[in-house]
Structures are given as C-alpha cells and as structure tokens.
Amino acid sequence: MMCFINFISFEANKVVIMIVALTITRYNRIAIPFAFLGMAILRIPLWLNRKCKFWKLMGSGKDAQVDLPPDFKHWAILTTWNDQRNCDDFYQNSFPLKWFRIFGEEEFTILLKPLSSHGLWSNKQPFVFDKNYTKTTGKIAVITRAAIRFNKVKEFRSNIKRAAIAMRKADGFLISAGIGENPFLDQATFSVWENAQSMKDYAYKSHDHSDVIKLTRERQWYSEELFARFEIIKTWGTLNGVSVSID
C-alpha cells in the first residue's frame, strides 16, 4: 500500500527513526454524528498503542481552513512513530484509520520527517529531529501550534484572519489546514510551501504575519506554542480536491 523512507537521528547515542503522519478526512454530512463519536472512542486504541509515540485527534476550521469557524465535516489525526513498520501497520490495519475511511468521503495524508522543532505541545516536544541534517531544496511543511489563553481568545481571533489571508496569497504557498484539539483554545496550522525561502519570506516579510507575531509577544496570547518544519516523505489523497506532489 505504501512505501516509507527511513531517516535517522541521534539522541543520547541511540538511533531514533521518526515518522510524523497527518491525515485530514472530510466526513459525509450524514456521518457527522459518527465524527463526534469517533473523537471519543478512538482515543482508547490510540492510548493503548504503545508503539505510537505521540498522537492528537483534532477538528478543523470550515473547509479545513485556518481562520474560519469550526467545520464539523473535517477531522484530523496526527501520530508519530519510531519505526516505519509500525506506522505502516497503523495505516493499513488500525481501528482509528478504518473508522475515518468508513465514514469519510475525502482523505489527505502526508508523511513527514522533522527538520526542526521549537516549543511544546501538551507539555511535550513530540518531534525528534537530527540537528546535523539540513535540507536546502524542495518542498517543506510547517506545523505551528498554540494554546491560547482564555482571556485572549477574542483578541487573537480578531487578528489571525489577516495573517491567514496573507498566507494563502503568498508566493510559494501550496496548501494549508487549520486543525486543533478544540476550536477556540488549542489551534494548529499546517501548511506546505514550494521551498524554505518562500516560507521564510512569508514569515518575516509579510507585514500582516510579522505584525501578528509582534502582537503575540507583546500581548502574551499563548500559554504554550510550538513551531516545527518538516521534509515531505510522501503524500496521497486530496484536501478540498487539491493534491500535493513532492516531485
């Protein structure tokens, strides 16, 4: 079904193989109740799967976009693995993925290799990367995640829309999705770019984005945040009818 590509990083002189997998599924409208039910019961097999090093079940914004209200049709699952065979087995045989596919009508999956990661997600650093490895060409993916302070939600939401619009108009932007554990307090942005330079140009040269980053620091919107970059190993499926080729 799938062909995985290894990578090796070193942590405390121990070889660690990490694969990060993200799947975003659009449920059929009549199956939305099963999407909500899945967010409850699918936690059990994920929690029992000791081979999965980190996992998150998440919802998404409307049409899986970053700055829009919750969309009860789009849902996501993020997992990390230290062995490609375990990831392969999960995608072929696991109950959570079978659930997504039974009730879903569109699926987008991307396999990633961490290049860098700063910050925490639920008090953990989920992405192991090789500090000696650098990637200078080709498409890259980015995940940013923030836990928003309750008293800052309104201010955050009133500012994030312009940064999201600027991202979708930026040179080199390919695809993005807004995901998160809950629609208001825990939010993440997943995006894919033609290359690292186009991502950096948006991050540091876009007035709307750089202004939001400045406000983030000044106004202390987040109680926890994470920024991670990834090399793309493999993708399949579509998101809102759009596919991503890594060629």
Protein backbone atom coordinates (compact mmCIF):
# COMPACT_ATOMS: atom_id res chain seq x y z
CA MET A 1 0.00 0.00 0.00
CA MET A 2 2.73 2.45 0.94
CA CYS A 3 6.47 2.79 0.63
CA PHE A 4 8.11 4.58 3.53
CA ILE A 5 11.51 6.24 3.55
CA ASN A 6 13.68 6.00 6.63
CA PHE A 7 15.60 8.73 8.29
CA ILE A 8 17.89 8.51 11.26
CA SER A 9 18.54 10.96 14.05
CA PHE A 10 20.65 10.51 17.14
CA GLU A 11 19.52 11.16 20.67
CA ALA A 12 21.74 10.19 23.59
CA ASN A 13 23.73 7.92 21.24
CA LYS A 14 20.62 5.95 20.41
CA VAL A 15 19.34 5.67 16.85
CA VAL A 16 15.80 7.04 16.63
CA ILE A 17 13.71 6.70 13.47
CA MET A 18 10.84 9.17 13.40
CA ILE A 19 7.91 9.40 11.04
CA VAL A 20 5.22 12.03 11.55
CA ALA A 21 1.91 11.23 9.88
CA LEU A 22 -1.02 13.63 9.46
CA THR A 23 -4.36 12.63 7.98
CA ILE A 24 -7.24 15.04 7.38
CA THR A 25 -10.57 13.45 6.49
CA ARG A 26 -13.78 15.03 5.28
CA TYR A 27 -16.79 13.14 6.59
CA ASN A 28 -20.01 12.81 4.67
CA ARG A 29 -22.56 15.26 6.06
CA ILE A 30 -24.86 12.50 7.28
CA ALA A 31 -21.90 10.88 9.09
CA ILE A 32 -21.08 13.94 11.22
CA PRO A 33 -22.51 12.30 14.40
CA PHE A 34 -20.00 9.47 13.88
CA ALA A 35 -17.22 12.05 13.62
CA PHE A 36 -18.08 13.34 17.10
CA LEU A 37 -18.42 9.79 18.41
CA GLY A 38 -15.05 8.93 16.92
CA MET A 39 -13.34 11.74 18.77
CA ALA A 40 -14.38 10.00 21.99
CA ILE A 41 -13.91 6.29 21.32
CA LEU A 42 -10.84 6.46 19.05
CA ARG A 43 -8.80 7.78 21.96
CA ILE A 44 -8.87 4.34 23.54
CA PRO A 45 -7.00 2.38 20.82
CA LEU A 46 -4.58 5.28 20.38
CA TRP A 47 -3.87 5.40 24.10
CA LEU A 48 -3.37 1.61 24.14
CA ASN A 49 -1.00 1.68 21.16
CA ARG A 50 2.40 1.86 22.88
CA LYS A 51 4.20 1.96 19.54
CA CYS A 52 2.67 5.35 18.77
CA LYS A 53 4.87 7.93 20.50
CA PHE A 54 2.53 10.94 20.27
CA TRP A 55 -0.96 11.40 18.92
CA LYS A 56 -3.67 14.01 18.60
CA LEU A 57 -7.26 13.75 17.41
CA MET A 58 -8.37 17.14 16.12
CA GLY A 59 -11.14 19.07 14.46
CA SER A 60 -10.72 21.71 11.79
CA GLY A 61 -11.90 25.09 10.55
CA LYS A 62 -14.52 25.43 7.82
CA ASP A 63 -13.28 23.74 4.63
CA ALA A 64 -10.20 22.84 6.73
CA GLN A 65 -9.01 26.45 6.59
CA VAL A 66 -7.08 28.31 9.26
CA ASP A 67 -9.10 31.39 10.16
CA LEU A 68 -12.69 30.17 9.81
CA PRO A 69 -15.28 28.83 12.29
CA PRO A 70 -15.32 25.11 13.19
CA ASP A 71 -16.22 22.70 10.40
CA PHE A 72 -17.86 19.52 11.65
CA LYS A 73 -17.06 17.67 8.40
CA HIS A 74 -13.25 17.91 8.58
CA TRP A 75 -11.31 15.99 11.24
CA ALA A 76 -7.64 15.11 11.63
CA ILE A 77 -5.33 12.61 13.29
CA LEU A 78 -1.62 13.24 13.89
CA THR A 79 0.72 10.46 15.01
CA THR A 80 4.47 9.98 15.43
CA TRP A 81 6.41 6.72 15.14
CA ASN A 82 9.93 5.48 15.72
CA ASP A 83 9.58 2.61 13.27
CA GLN A 84 8.20 2.76 9.75
CA ARG A 85 6.68 -0.72 10.02
CA ASN A 86 4.56 0.37 12.97
CA CYS A 87 3.31 3.39 11.04
CA ASP A 88 2.61 1.21 8.01
CA ASP A 89 0.66 -1.27 10.13
CA PHE A 90 -1.34 1.55 11.73
CA TYR A 91 -2.40 2.94 8.35
CA GLN A 92 -3.32 -0.46 6.98
CA ASN A 93 -4.94 -2.16 9.95
CA SER A 94 -5.80 0.22 12.81
CA PHE A 95 -9.35 0.82 14.03
CA PRO A 96 -8.98 4.65 14.00
CA LEU A 97 -7.99 4.75 10.31
CA LYS A 98 -10.69 2.25 9.37
CA TRP A 99 -13.20 4.48 11.17
CA PHE A 100 -12.01 7.54 9.24
CA ARG A 101 -12.30 5.67 5.93
CA ILE A 102 -15.70 4.13 6.58
CA PHE A 103 -17.33 7.50 7.26
CA GLY A 104 -15.06 9.78 5.23
CA GLU A 105 -15.53 10.86 1.62
CA GLU A 106 -12.14 12.53 1.12
CA GLU A 107 -8.77 11.87 2.74
CA PHE A 108 -5.44 13.67 2.65
CA THR A 109 -2.39 12.06 4.26
CA ILE A 110 1.17 13.34 4.45
CA LEU A 111 4.22 11.63 5.92
CA LEU A 112 6.90 13.92 7.29
CA LYS A 113 10.47 13.96 8.54
CA PRO A 114 11.14 16.58 11.24
CA LEU A 115 13.81 19.13 10.36
CA SER A 116 13.46 21.37 13.41
CA SER A 117 11.05 21.89 16.27
CA HIS A 118 10.86 24.51 18.98
CA GLY A 119 8.39 24.72 21.84
CA LEU A 120 5.95 22.26 23.39
CA TRP A 121 2.66 20.57 22.59
CA SER A 122 0.74 19.46 25.69
CA ASN A 123 3.94 19.87 27.70
CA LYS A 124 5.85 17.58 25.32
CA GLN A 125 8.31 18.01 22.48
CA PRO A 126 6.75 15.49 20.08
CA PHE A 127 9.10 15.78 17.08
CA VAL A 128 12.59 14.23 17.24
CA PHE A 129 14.97 15.59 14.61
CA ASP A 130 18.61 15.30 13.62
CA LYS A 131 20.35 18.60 14.35
CA ASN A 132 23.12 17.67 11.92
CA TYR A 133 20.76 17.22 8.97
CA THR A 134 19.79 20.17 6.77
CA LYS A 135 17.55 20.41 3.73
CA THR A 136 18.21 23.21 1.26
CA THR A 137 15.90 22.41 -1.66
CA GLY A 138 12.43 21.09 -2.30
CA LYS A 139 9.03 21.48 -0.71
CA ILE A 140 8.67 21.74 3.06
CA ALA A 141 5.79 21.51 5.50
CA VAL A 142 5.23 23.57 8.64
CA ILE A 143 3.15 22.96 11.74
CA THR A 144 2.54 25.78 14.19
CA ARG A 145 0.51 25.13 17.32
CA ALA A 146 -0.64 27.40 20.15
CA ALA A 147 -2.64 27.09 23.35
CA ILE A 148 -4.49 30.41 23.54
CA ARG A 149 -5.16 31.99 26.90
CA PHE A 150 -8.90 32.12 27.60
CA ASN A 151 -8.93 35.88 28.15
CA LYS A 152 -7.05 36.44 24.87
CA VAL A 153 -9.27 34.42 22.50
CA LYS A 154 -11.30 37.36 21.17
CA GLU A 155 -8.21 39.49 20.57
CA PHE A 156 -6.39 36.59 18.91
CA ARG A 157 -9.25 35.75 16.56
CA SER A 158 -9.68 39.36 15.52
CA ASN A 159 -6.06 39.45 14.34
CA ILE A 160 -5.31 35.99 12.97
CA LYS A 161 -7.62 36.28 9.95
CA ARG A 162 -5.41 38.79 8.12
CA ALA A 163 -2.31 36.63 8.64
CA ALA A 164 -4.16 33.58 7.27
CA ILE A 165 -5.37 35.50 4.20
CA ALA A 166 -1.83 36.78 3.57
CA MET A 167 -0.52 33.21 3.80
CA ARG A 168 -2.90 31.91 1.15
CA LYS A 169 -1.80 34.74 -1.18
CA ALA A 170 1.93 34.35 -0.51
CA ASP A 171 4.37 33.30 -3.23
CA GLY A 172 5.29 29.64 -2.89
CA PHE A 173 2.25 28.74 -0.79
CA LEU A 174 0.68 25.40 -1.82
CA ILE A 175 -1.84 24.17 0.74
CA SER A 176 -2.88 24.71 4.36
CA ALA A 177 -5.27 23.46 7.00
CA GLY A 178 -6.42 24.74 10.35
CA ILE A 179 -6.60 21.96 12.93
CA GLY A 180 -6.77 21.72 16.71
CA GLU A 181 -7.90 19.86 19.80
CA ASN A 182 -10.68 22.36 20.37
CA PRO A 183 -11.94 25.15 18.10
CA PHE A 184 -11.01 28.13 20.26
CA LEU A 185 -8.25 27.46 22.79
CA ASP A 186 -5.94 24.91 21.12
CA GLN A 187 -5.21 25.61 17.48
CA ALA A 188 -2.64 24.46 14.95
CA THR A 189 -1.82 25.46 11.40
CA PHE A 190 -0.45 23.01 8.86
CA SER A 191 0.97 24.36 5.60
CA VAL A 192 3.08 23.23 2.64
CA TRP A 193 5.47 25.51 0.73
CA GLU A 194 7.44 25.27 -2.52
CA ASN A 195 10.67 25.75 -0.59
CA ALA A 196 12.10 27.05 2.66
CA GLN A 197 12.74 30.51 1.24
CA SER A 198 9.09 31.11 0.31
CA MET A 199 8.06 30.10 3.83
CA LYS A 200 10.65 32.46 5.36
CA ASP A 201 9.57 35.32 3.08
CA TYR A 202 6.02 34.96 4.34
CA ALA A 203 7.08 34.57 7.97
CA TYR A 204 9.40 37.57 8.09
CA LYS A 205 8.49 39.85 5.17
CA SER A 206 4.70 39.70 5.21
CA HIS A 207 3.52 42.75 7.14
CA ASP A 208 0.33 41.06 8.33
CA HIS A 209 2.11 37.97 9.62
CA SER A 210 5.05 39.77 11.21
CA ASP A 211 2.65 42.20 12.90
CA VAL A 212 0.65 39.32 14.36
CA ILE A 213 3.85 37.71 15.64
CA LYS A 214 4.81 41.00 17.28
CA LEU A 215 1.39 41.26 18.91
CA THR A 216 1.67 37.65 20.07
CA ARG A 217 4.77 38.52 22.08
CA GLU A 218 3.50 41.86 23.35
CA ARG A 219 0.02 40.70 24.31
CA GLN A 220 1.07 37.21 25.50
CA TRP A 221 -1.75 35.44 23.70
CA TYR A 222 -0.31 31.93 24.19
CA SER A 223 0.29 29.82 27.25
CA GLU A 224 2.14 27.27 25.09
CA GLU A 225 3.37 27.26 21.50
CA LEU A 226 5.31 25.15 19.01
CA PHE A 227 6.86 25.72 15.58
CA ALA A 228 8.16 22.78 13.52
CA ARG A 229 9.47 22.34 9.97
CA PHE A 230 9.41 19.06 8.04
CA GLU A 231 10.72 17.41 4.93
CA ILE A 232 7.92 15.73 2.98
CA ILE A 233 8.35 11.97 2.55
CA LYS A 234 5.11 11.01 0.83
CA THR A 235 1.57 12.27 0.27
CA TRP A 236 -1.62 10.76 -1.05
CA GLY A 237 -5.22 11.80 -1.38
CA THR A 238 -6.65 15.30 -1.65
CA LEU A 239 -7.72 18.17 0.60
CA ASN A 240 -10.68 20.10 -0.82
CA GLY A 241 -9.85 18.50 -4.14
CA VAL A 242 -6.19 19.61 -4.06
CA SER A 243 -3.29 17.15 -4.04
CA VAL A 244 0.36 17.84 -3.26
CA SER A 245 3.14 16.30 -5.35
CA ILE A 246 6.63 16.21 -3.87
CA ASP A 247 8.33 15.91 -7.29
